[in-house]
Amino acid sequence: MADTGKLTISLPRDLISFADKLSKERNTSRSGAIASVLQELAKERERAQMVEGYKVMAEQNREFAARTLPLANEVLPEWK
């Protein structure tokens, strides 16, 4: 189990009601419900960062191929 700590927060009453509903749906405590929502958000952010990173890598690979393909064609003309 992950290392846990205590946190006291104040929330609007409607969010407290939502946390209560969510905890019942997920069969967990308020803390468990809030922790799972935060974990889901953290995973989604990580996924979004990875998607962006792969897009950057793809563009770098395209640029590299565009620069090196003419050289490869000179050195290995049979690949044309």
C-alpha atoms as a PDB file:
ATOM      1  CA  MET A   1       0.000   0.000   0.000  1.00  0.00           C
ATOM      2  CA  ALA A   2       1.165   3.525  -0.743  1.00  0.00           C
ATOM      3  CA  ASP A   3       2.454   5.726   2.012  1.00  0.00           C
ATOM      4  CA  THR A   4      -0.446   7.835   3.252  1.00  0.00           C
ATOM      5  CA  GLY A   5      -0.749  11.116   5.075  1.00  0.00           C
ATOM      6  CA  LYS A   6      -3.499  13.178   6.575  1.00  0.00           C
ATOM      7  CA  LEU A   7      -5.008  16.202   4.838  1.00  0.00           C
ATOM      8  CA  THR A   8      -7.780  18.447   6.051  1.00  0.00           C
ATOM      9  CA  ILE A   9      -9.636  20.362   3.348  1.00  0.00           C
ATOM     10  CA  SER A  10     -12.727  22.520   3.110  1.00  0.00           C
ATOM     11  CA  LEU A  11     -15.067  21.944   0.195  1.00  0.00           C
ATOM     12  CA  PRO A  12     -18.328  23.450  -0.958  1.00  0.00           C
ATOM     13  CA  ARG A  13     -21.300  21.416   0.305  1.00  0.00           C
ATOM     14  CA  ASP A  14     -22.224  20.283  -3.201  1.00  0.00           C
ATOM     15  CA  LEU A  15     -18.783  18.705  -3.625  1.00  0.00           C
ATOM     16  CA  ILE A  16     -19.106  17.015  -0.266  1.00  0.00           C
ATOM     17  CA  SER A  17     -22.438  15.566  -1.422  1.00  0.00           C
ATOM     18  CA  PHE A  18     -20.791  14.430  -4.633  1.00  0.00           C
ATOM     19  CA  ALA A  19     -17.944  12.806  -2.684  1.00  0.00           C
ATOM     20  CA  ASP A  20     -20.521  10.994  -0.554  1.00  0.00           C
ATOM     21  CA  LYS A  21     -22.384   9.712  -3.633  1.00  0.00           C
ATOM     22  CA  LEU A  22     -19.126   8.683  -5.272  1.00  0.00           C
ATOM     23  CA  SER A  23     -17.946   6.870  -2.159  1.00  0.00           C
ATOM     24  CA  LYS A  24     -21.202   4.879  -2.079  1.00  0.00           C
ATOM     25  CA  GLU A  25     -20.915   4.069  -5.809  1.00  0.00           C
ATOM     26  CA  ARG A  26     -17.332   2.903  -5.389  1.00  0.00           C
ATOM     27  CA  ASN A  27     -17.984   1.216  -2.053  1.00  0.00           C
ATOM     28  CA  THR A  28     -15.253   3.174  -0.319  1.00  0.00           C
ATOM     29  CA  SER A  29     -14.789   6.038   2.105  1.00  0.00           C
ATOM     30  CA  ARG A  30     -14.827   9.730   1.224  1.00  0.00           C
ATOM     31  CA  SER A  31     -11.058   9.671   1.413  1.00  0.00           C
ATOM     32  CA  GLY A  32     -10.923   6.664  -0.883  1.00  0.00           C
ATOM     33  CA  ALA A  33     -13.265   8.290  -3.391  1.00  0.00           C
ATOM     34  CA  ILE A  34     -11.310  11.545  -3.429  1.00  0.00           C
ATOM     35  CA  ALA A  35      -8.003   9.676  -3.643  1.00  0.00           C
ATOM     36  CA  SER A  36      -9.238   7.634  -6.614  1.00  0.00           C
ATOM     37  CA  VAL A  37     -10.440  10.754  -8.436  1.00  0.00           C
ATOM     38  CA  LEU A  38      -7.078  12.436  -7.863  1.00  0.00           C
ATOM     39  CA  GLN A  39      -5.278   9.280  -9.030  1.00  0.00           C
ATOM     40  CA  GLU A  40      -7.391   9.197 -12.204  1.00  0.00           C
ATOM     41  CA  LEU A  41      -6.564  12.860 -12.853  1.00  0.00           C
ATOM     42  CA  ALA A  42      -2.856  12.210 -12.312  1.00  0.00           C
ATOM     43  CA  LYS A  43      -2.936   9.273 -14.753  1.00  0.00           C
ATOM     44  CA  GLU A  44      -4.807  11.327 -17.349  1.00  0.00           C
ATOM     45  CA  ARG A  45      -2.259  14.137 -17.093  1.00  0.00           C
ATOM     46  CA  GLU A  46       0.589  11.644 -17.449  1.00  0.00           C
ATOM     47  CA  ARG A  47      -1.120  10.116 -20.488  1.00  0.00           C
ATOM     48  CA  ALA A  48      -1.601  13.564 -22.064  1.00  0.00           C
ATOM     49  CA  GLN A  49       2.081  14.371 -21.509  1.00  0.00           C
ATOM     50  CA  MET A  50       3.088  11.067 -23.099  1.00  0.00           C
ATOM     51  CA  VAL A  51       0.847  11.715 -26.120  1.00  0.00           C
ATOM     52  CA  GLU A  52       2.455  15.120 -26.567  1.00  0.00           C
ATOM     53  CA  GLY A  53       5.919  13.631 -26.203  1.00  0.00           C
ATOM     54  CA  TYR A  54       5.217  10.983 -28.831  1.00  0.00           C
ATOM     55  CA  LYS A  55       3.936  13.676 -31.208  1.00  0.00           C
ATOM     56  CA  VAL A  56       7.180  15.612 -30.759  1.00  0.00           C
ATOM     57  CA  MET A  57       9.223  12.442 -31.287  1.00  0.00           C
ATOM     58  CA  ALA A  58       7.264  11.637 -34.457  1.00  0.00           C
ATOM     59  CA  GLU A  59       7.995  15.083 -35.878  1.00  0.00           C
ATOM     60  CA  GLN A  60      11.680  14.728 -35.012  1.00  0.00           C
ATOM     61  CA  ASN A  61      11.753  11.327 -36.728  1.00  0.00           C
ATOM     62  CA  ARG A  62      10.104  12.787 -39.853  1.00  0.00           C
ATOM     63  CA  GLU A  63      12.664  15.592 -39.960  1.00  0.00           C
ATOM     64  CA  PHE A  64      15.526  13.133 -39.498  1.00  0.00           C
ATOM     65  CA  ALA A  65      14.203  10.890 -42.276  1.00  0.00           C
ATOM     66  CA  ALA A  66      13.788  13.850 -44.617  1.00  0.00           C
ATOM     67  CA  ARG A  67      17.411  14.876 -44.024  1.00  0.00           C
ATOM     68  CA  THR A  68      18.970  11.433 -44.192  1.00  0.00           C
ATOM     69  CA  LEU A  69      16.965   9.716 -46.937  1.00  0.00           C
ATOM     70  CA  PRO A  70      18.746  11.568 -49.765  1.00  0.00           C
ATOM     71  CA  LEU A  71      22.095  10.540 -48.262  1.00  0.00           C
ATOM     72  CA  ALA A  72      20.970   6.946 -47.944  1.00  0.00           C
ATOM     73  CA  ASN A  73      19.884   6.972 -51.588  1.00  0.00           C
ATOM     74  CA  GLU A  74      23.361   8.164 -52.607  1.00  0.00           C
ATOM     75  CA  VAL A  75      25.146   5.519 -50.572  1.00  0.00           C
ATOM     76  CA  LEU A  76      22.714   2.686 -51.272  1.00  0.00           C
ATOM     77  CA  PRO A  77      21.223   3.438 -54.710  1.00  0.00           C
ATOM     78  CA  GLU A  78      19.727  -0.054 -55.014  1.00  0.00           C
ATOM     79  CA  TRP A  79      17.217   0.859 -52.290  1.00  0.00           C
ATOM     80  CA  LYS A  80      15.523   3.423 -54.552  1.00  0.00           C
END
